[in-house]
Amino acid sequence: MTTSDFYLKRGQLALGWAASLVDPDIGFQGAGNLINAYYKSIVAMTTGARIREARVLARFVERTFYKDGDVNTLPDDPTAQGLANYRCAWIGRGLHVLGRYDMAANIGRLVESQMHPVTGGLATLANQPPADRVYCLGSTGSAVLAFLAMGKLEAARRGGAFIAGLLDEQPVTKGKFYLLRNADGEIIREDRKQGLAMVSSIDIGTPGQVYWYIGMAMNACASLYLATGEQRWLDAGHKAYALFQNCADDIYRIISNGKVAWGLGWMHAATRDPAFAKAAQDVWAWHCDIQADDGRWLRVGQFDSLDVQPLHITLDTTLERAFYMFELSRTLDI
């Protein structure tokens, strides 16, 4: 049986590989000035007690990407497009955990300013005109977790209401579950896709979906329940779990399922129901199997080998999964 010690050991292996690339002057050696390599790095390094590296990376982010609470600021960075506010929330959370409250507070204010005044959703892109904004479940879940870390409970509740609303309005066990609302608060019922990051729907029961949104919903709802004791968040988490239960079997062996295991782990932390712990380990088993001997992860299905996978994607994929293993080591009774 997989144990917490195993997850911690394999997570540290991944951090060791990433830490070997950290340079005080240029950030990650060879990664270039691409925010995709950095926005999960600080929370992963801090959670894994690599504090020196986390501080170095925070200083690099501050002088390279950070301006007025935003980190998606370099005009020639192709990875700064798409889910910009999602990235801000991730890195804001990491900076807060590290103790860089100066940067984290400004990021928190920016992210909160990008929330819909009625639905509570977080806009995908920063600083668009309000009428043009699209509000996303995945971005909003990232904001909820950042707000909870920062003690911004009412903002977290607003984001939770957006997620719960999507789950309440779409009680589907198969077919399309839509993830976006427009500026008028209406669910966007059309197909949009941008790589493996931003999609407009999950076709429940059909293979080959981008599943991470389900995990983000479970995590945000379970975390809100733990913070507030309010049953509505646990009810919403169970609705997200029902989506997971009705997905195609490839949800156990696809690269976009990492957050699903993460979310199941937090559902276990909120309920102590062993079914969630078993499901989390079953989903995560494939990630354990495909981790390279030096700690890296390949985005299987997107690239043929680690040699051809761009370094910024290897860093993002590896640091994210290291963080999930640290999280699973403390949310599961193993």
Protein backbone atom coordinates (compact mmCIF):
# COMPACT_ATOMS: atom_id res chain seq x y z
CA MET A 1 0.00 0.00 0.00
CA THR A 2 1.21 3.53 -0.79
CA THR A 3 2.18 5.50 2.32
CA SER A 4 2.63 9.15 3.19
CA ASP A 5 6.36 8.51 3.49
CA PHE A 6 6.41 7.28 -0.11
CA TYR A 7 4.64 10.41 -1.35
CA LEU A 8 7.01 12.64 0.63
CA LYS A 9 10.07 10.82 -0.68
CA ARG A 10 8.98 11.01 -4.30
CA GLY A 11 7.94 14.64 -3.94
CA GLN A 12 11.36 15.52 -2.55
CA LEU A 13 12.98 13.70 -5.45
CA ALA A 14 11.08 15.99 -7.83
CA LEU A 15 12.03 19.10 -5.86
CA GLY A 16 15.65 18.03 -5.82
CA TRP A 17 15.71 17.94 -9.61
CA ALA A 18 14.02 21.37 -9.86
CA ALA A 19 16.19 22.89 -7.12
CA SER A 20 19.32 21.92 -9.05
CA LEU A 21 18.25 24.39 -11.74
CA VAL A 22 17.63 27.38 -9.44
CA ASP A 23 19.99 30.31 -10.05
CA PRO A 24 19.69 33.61 -8.13
CA ASP A 25 20.17 35.68 -11.27
CA ILE A 26 18.19 33.84 -13.94
CA GLY A 27 15.61 31.78 -12.04
CA PHE A 28 15.44 28.27 -13.45
CA GLN A 29 18.45 27.69 -15.70
CA GLY A 30 17.29 27.12 -19.26
CA ALA A 31 13.62 27.94 -18.64
CA GLY A 32 13.69 31.49 -19.96
CA ASN A 33 11.35 34.24 -18.79
CA LEU A 34 8.17 32.20 -19.08
CA ILE A 35 5.70 32.50 -16.22
CA ASN A 36 4.51 28.93 -16.81
CA ALA A 37 7.75 27.66 -15.23
CA TYR A 38 7.28 29.66 -12.03
CA TYR A 39 3.71 30.14 -10.88
CA LYS A 40 3.44 26.83 -8.99
CA SER A 41 7.09 26.71 -7.96
CA ILE A 42 6.89 28.81 -4.81
CA VAL A 43 4.07 26.89 -3.12
CA ALA A 44 5.71 23.58 -4.09
CA MET A 45 9.14 24.58 -2.77
CA THR A 46 7.70 26.09 0.41
CA THR A 47 5.47 23.10 1.15
CA GLY A 48 8.46 20.82 0.60
CA ALA A 49 10.61 22.93 3.00
CA ARG A 50 12.93 24.15 0.22
CA ILE A 51 12.73 27.65 1.66
CA ARG A 52 16.00 28.99 0.21
CA GLU A 53 14.91 28.07 -3.30
CA ALA A 54 11.41 29.45 -2.72
CA ARG A 55 12.86 32.81 -1.63
CA VAL A 56 15.20 32.95 -4.62
CA LEU A 57 12.31 32.21 -6.98
CA ALA A 58 10.07 34.79 -5.30
CA ARG A 59 12.72 37.47 -5.80
CA PHE A 60 13.15 36.44 -9.44
CA VAL A 61 9.40 36.59 -10.03
CA GLU A 62 9.25 39.99 -8.35
CA ARG A 63 11.84 41.61 -10.57
CA THR A 64 10.95 39.76 -13.80
CA PHE A 65 7.16 39.30 -13.95
CA TYR A 66 5.48 41.14 -11.10
CA LYS A 67 3.78 44.51 -11.58
CA ASP A 68 0.76 45.96 -9.78
CA GLY A 69 -0.30 42.56 -8.44
CA ASP A 70 -0.06 40.79 -11.80
CA VAL A 71 2.54 38.24 -12.92
CA ASN A 72 1.38 37.86 -16.54
CA THR A 73 3.13 41.05 -17.63
CA LEU A 74 5.75 40.19 -20.25
CA PRO A 75 4.33 40.93 -23.72
CA ASP A 76 6.60 38.37 -25.40
CA ASP A 77 5.69 35.52 -23.02
CA PRO A 78 3.31 33.16 -24.86
CA THR A 79 2.56 31.29 -21.61
CA ALA A 80 1.08 34.44 -20.04
CA GLN A 81 -2.11 34.08 -22.07
CA GLY A 82 -5.23 32.07 -21.29
CA LEU A 83 -5.86 31.52 -17.58
CA ALA A 84 -3.98 34.59 -16.36
CA ASN A 85 -5.92 35.15 -13.13
CA TYR A 86 -5.72 31.44 -12.35
CA ARG A 87 -1.93 31.78 -12.38
CA CYS A 88 -2.05 34.90 -10.21
CA ALA A 89 -4.10 33.06 -7.60
CA TRP A 90 -1.68 30.10 -7.57
CA ILE A 91 1.39 32.25 -7.11
CA GLY A 92 -0.35 34.57 -4.64
CA ARG A 93 -1.14 31.58 -2.47
CA GLY A 94 2.48 30.40 -2.62
CA LEU A 95 3.84 33.85 -1.77
CA HIS A 96 1.52 34.11 1.21
CA VAL A 97 2.58 30.71 2.53
CA LEU A 98 6.22 31.73 2.07
CA GLY A 99 5.64 34.94 4.01
CA ARG A 100 5.99 37.40 1.14
CA TYR A 101 2.84 39.17 2.32
CA ASP A 102 3.75 42.34 0.43
CA MET A 103 3.43 40.65 -2.94
CA ALA A 104 0.68 38.26 -1.89
CA ALA A 105 -1.59 41.03 -0.61
CA ASN A 106 -1.35 42.98 -3.88
CA ILE A 107 -2.04 39.84 -5.90
CA GLY A 108 -5.00 39.04 -3.67
CA ARG A 109 -6.46 42.49 -4.25
CA LEU A 110 -6.02 42.16 -8.02
CA VAL A 111 -7.64 38.72 -8.11
CA GLU A 112 -10.57 39.87 -5.97
CA SER A 113 -11.11 42.85 -8.29
CA GLN A 114 -11.50 40.43 -11.21
CA MET A 115 -14.45 38.56 -9.64
CA HIS A 116 -17.95 38.94 -11.04
CA PRO A 117 -19.98 41.19 -8.71
CA VAL A 118 -23.01 38.87 -8.75
CA THR A 119 -21.95 35.30 -9.56
CA GLY A 120 -18.57 35.44 -7.79
CA GLY A 121 -16.70 33.85 -10.68
CA LEU A 122 -13.12 34.82 -11.49
CA ALA A 123 -12.42 36.19 -14.96
CA THR A 124 -9.95 34.17 -16.99
CA LEU A 125 -7.94 37.23 -18.15
CA ALA A 126 -6.88 40.23 -16.12
CA ASN A 127 -8.07 43.77 -16.80
CA GLN A 128 -10.45 43.11 -19.69
CA PRO A 129 -13.47 45.40 -20.06
CA PRO A 130 -16.20 43.94 -17.81
CA ALA A 131 -18.55 43.22 -20.72
CA ASP A 132 -15.93 41.03 -22.43
CA ARG A 133 -14.95 38.90 -19.45
CA VAL A 134 -15.41 35.14 -19.27
CA TYR A 135 -15.63 33.54 -15.83
CA CYS A 136 -14.22 30.07 -15.27
CA LEU A 137 -14.71 27.29 -12.71
CA GLY A 138 -11.01 26.41 -12.72
CA SER A 139 -9.84 29.99 -12.24
CA THR A 140 -12.41 30.53 -9.52
CA GLY A 141 -11.33 27.40 -7.65
CA SER A 142 -7.75 28.63 -7.70
CA ALA A 143 -8.93 31.95 -6.25
CA VAL A 144 -10.92 30.23 -3.49
CA LEU A 145 -7.82 28.39 -2.31
CA ALA A 146 -5.72 31.55 -2.45
CA PHE A 147 -8.32 33.54 -0.52
CA LEU A 148 -8.56 30.86 2.17
CA ALA A 149 -4.78 30.90 2.58
CA MET A 150 -4.85 34.69 2.88
CA GLY A 151 -7.74 34.75 5.36
CA LYS A 152 -10.10 36.42 2.86
CA LEU A 153 -13.07 34.25 3.83
CA GLU A 154 -15.87 36.31 2.32
CA ALA A 155 -14.11 36.46 -1.04
CA ALA A 156 -13.62 32.69 -0.85
CA ARG A 157 -17.34 32.23 -0.16
CA ARG A 158 -18.19 34.33 -3.21
CA GLY A 159 -16.00 32.12 -5.38
CA GLY A 160 -17.50 29.02 -3.81
CA ALA A 161 -20.98 30.25 -4.71
CA PHE A 162 -19.95 30.42 -8.37
CA ILE A 163 -18.75 26.79 -8.30
CA ALA A 164 -21.78 25.58 -6.36
CA GLY A 165 -24.07 27.41 -8.78
CA LEU A 166 -22.61 25.63 -11.80
CA LEU A 167 -23.02 22.28 -10.03
CA ASP A 168 -26.60 23.06 -8.96
CA GLU A 169 -27.70 24.19 -12.41
CA GLN A 170 -26.23 21.18 -14.23
CA PRO A 171 -27.14 17.96 -12.41
CA VAL A 172 -25.68 15.83 -15.19
CA THR A 173 -24.57 12.20 -14.92
CA LYS A 174 -23.55 12.09 -18.58
CA GLY A 175 -23.16 14.59 -21.39
CA LYS A 176 -21.85 18.14 -21.24
CA PHE A 177 -20.98 19.84 -17.99
CA TYR A 178 -20.19 23.48 -18.79
CA LEU A 179 -17.47 25.41 -16.98
CA LEU A 180 -17.82 29.05 -18.06
CA ARG A 181 -20.22 31.95 -17.58
CA ASN A 182 -20.34 35.20 -19.54
CA ALA A 183 -20.52 38.72 -18.16
CA ASP A 184 -24.32 38.46 -17.91
CA GLY A 185 -23.98 35.40 -15.69
CA GLU A 186 -25.19 32.97 -18.35
CA ILE A 187 -23.58 29.56 -18.78
CA ILE A 188 -21.61 29.46 -22.05
CA ARG A 189 -22.91 26.40 -23.87
CA GLU A 190 -20.45 26.15 -26.73
CA ASP A 191 -17.18 24.31 -27.22
CA ARG A 192 -13.94 26.20 -26.69
CA LYS A 193 -10.52 24.70 -26.09
CA GLN A 194 -7.04 26.09 -25.54
CA GLY A 195 -4.55 23.24 -25.19
CA LEU A 196 -4.89 21.23 -22.00
CA ALA A 197 -5.63 24.28 -19.90
CA MET A 198 -8.82 26.11 -20.81
CA VAL A 199 -11.88 24.28 -22.07
CA SER A 200 -15.55 25.18 -21.92
CA SER A 201 -16.98 21.79 -20.95
CA ILE A 202 -16.35 18.24 -19.84
CA ASP A 203 -18.27 15.56 -21.71
CA ILE A 204 -19.07 13.28 -18.78
CA GLY A 205 -18.74 9.61 -19.75
CA THR A 206 -16.74 10.29 -22.91
CA PRO A 207 -12.99 9.45 -22.91
CA GLY A 208 -10.28 11.99 -23.58
CA GLN A 209 -11.59 14.86 -21.49
CA VAL A 210 -9.68 17.55 -19.59
CA TYR A 211 -10.61 16.47 -16.07
CA TRP A 212 -8.75 18.80 -13.74
CA TYR A 213 -11.71 21.12 -13.23
CA ILE A 214 -13.54 18.39 -11.29
CA GLY A 215 -10.65 18.09 -8.86
CA MET A 216 -10.45 21.86 -8.41
CA ALA A 217 -14.18 21.97 -7.62
CA MET A 218 -13.87 19.20 -5.00
CA ASN A 219 -10.85 20.86 -3.40
CA ALA A 220 -12.41 24.33 -3.23
CA CYS A 221 -15.69 23.02 -1.80
CA ALA A 222 -14.04 20.70 0.73
CA SER A 223 -11.68 23.46 1.84
CA LEU A 224 -14.55 25.91 2.28
CA TYR A 225 -16.39 23.35 4.38
CA LEU A 226 -13.34 22.86 6.58
CA ALA A 227 -12.97 26.63 6.98
CA THR A 228 -16.64 27.38 7.71
CA GLY A 229 -18.45 24.19 8.75
CA GLU A 230 -21.22 25.19 6.33
CA GLN A 231 -22.98 22.15 4.86
CA ARG A 232 -23.65 23.78 1.50
CA TRP A 233 -20.00 23.48 0.55
CA LEU A 234 -19.85 19.80 1.37
CA ASP A 235 -23.05 19.24 -0.61
CA ALA A 236 -21.42 20.94 -3.61
CA GLY A 237 -18.30 18.81 -3.16
CA HIS A 238 -20.39 15.67 -3.33
CA LYS A 239 -21.97 16.89 -6.57
CA ALA A 240 -18.49 17.35 -8.05
CA TYR A 241 -17.64 13.85 -6.82
CA ALA A 242 -20.68 12.51 -8.68
CA LEU A 243 -19.22 13.97 -11.88
CA PHE A 244 -15.98 12.09 -11.17
CA GLN A 245 -17.86 8.84 -10.57
CA ASN A 246 -19.56 9.08 -13.96
CA CYS A 247 -16.47 9.91 -16.01
CA ALA A 248 -14.92 7.47 -18.47
CA ASP A 249 -12.33 5.05 -17.07
CA ASP A 250 -9.45 6.99 -18.61
CA ILE A 251 -9.77 9.45 -15.74
CA TYR A 252 -7.44 7.03 -13.92
CA ARG A 253 -4.66 7.28 -16.51
CA ILE A 254 -4.60 10.70 -18.10
CA ILE A 255 -2.28 13.61 -17.35
CA SER A 256 -5.10 16.06 -16.55
CA ASN A 257 -6.25 13.96 -13.58
CA GLY A 258 -3.62 15.16 -11.07
CA LYS A 259 -5.97 17.72 -9.55
CA VAL A 260 -8.67 15.06 -9.33
CA ALA A 261 -6.58 13.05 -6.87
CA TRP A 262 -5.78 16.29 -5.03
CA GLY A 263 -9.47 17.17 -4.75
CA LEU A 264 -10.41 13.66 -3.62
CA GLY A 265 -7.78 13.94 -0.91
CA TRP A 266 -9.36 17.13 0.41
CA MET A 267 -12.82 15.54 0.29
CA HIS A 268 -11.38 12.84 2.53
CA ALA A 269 -9.96 15.50 4.87
CA ALA A 270 -13.41 17.10 5.07
CA THR A 271 -15.43 13.90 5.58
CA ARG A 272 -13.01 11.18 6.77
CA ASP A 273 -14.87 8.89 4.37
CA PRO A 274 -12.40 6.17 3.31
CA ALA A 275 -14.03 5.99 -0.12
CA PHE A 276 -12.43 9.33 -0.96
CA ALA A 277 -9.03 8.16 0.24
CA LYS A 278 -9.23 5.03 -1.90
CA ALA A 279 -10.36 6.98 -4.95
CA ALA A 280 -7.52 9.50 -4.49
CA GLN A 281 -4.92 6.74 -4.35
CA ASP A 282 -6.47 4.92 -7.30
CA VAL A 283 -6.30 8.08 -9.41
CA TRP A 284 -2.79 8.95 -8.25
CA ALA A 285 -1.33 5.47 -8.84
CA TRP A 286 -0.76 6.19 -12.53
CA HIS A 287 1.20 9.33 -11.70
CA CYS A 288 3.44 7.30 -9.42
CA ASP A 289 4.00 4.80 -12.22
CA ILE A 290 5.04 7.40 -14.80
CA GLN A 291 7.34 9.54 -12.65
CA ALA A 292 10.89 9.39 -14.04
CA ASP A 293 13.75 8.07 -11.94
CA ASP A 294 15.13 11.61 -11.50
CA GLY A 295 11.76 12.93 -10.29
CA ARG A 296 10.41 14.55 -13.46
CA TRP A 297 7.06 14.02 -15.14
CA LEU A 298 6.27 13.80 -18.83
CA ARG A 299 2.95 15.11 -20.10
CA VAL A 300 2.04 11.74 -21.55
CA GLY A 301 -0.11 12.09 -24.64
CA GLN A 302 1.22 15.56 -25.40
CA PHE A 303 4.97 14.87 -25.79
CA ASP A 304 6.84 11.71 -26.74
CA SER A 305 9.74 12.08 -24.30
CA LEU A 306 11.26 14.34 -21.66
CA ASP A 307 13.99 15.20 -24.16
CA VAL A 308 11.52 16.96 -26.45
CA GLN A 309 9.22 18.35 -23.77
CA PRO A 310 10.03 22.06 -23.23
CA LEU A 311 11.70 22.72 -19.89
CA HIS A 312 9.06 25.18 -18.70
CA ILE A 313 6.40 22.49 -19.18
CA THR A 314 8.52 19.89 -17.38
CA LEU A 315 8.97 22.29 -14.46
CA ASP A 316 5.29 23.14 -14.29
CA THR A 317 4.18 19.51 -14.52
CA THR A 318 6.79 18.24 -12.06
CA LEU A 319 6.43 20.94 -9.40
CA GLU A 320 2.65 20.66 -9.49
CA ARG A 321 2.74 16.92 -8.92
CA ALA A 322 5.34 17.17 -6.19
CA PHE A 323 3.01 19.59 -4.42
CA TYR A 324 0.07 17.20 -4.80
CA MET A 325 2.07 14.40 -3.21
CA PHE A 326 2.85 16.62 -0.23
CA GLU A 327 -0.84 17.47 0.01
CA LEU A 328 -1.93 13.82 -0.26
CA SER A 329 0.53 12.86 2.46
CA ARG A 330 -1.46 14.96 4.91
CA THR A 331 -5.04 14.62 3.67
CA LEU A 332 -5.08 10.80 3.55
CA ASP A 333 -4.86 8.41 6.51
CA ILE A 334 -1.95 6.39 5.12
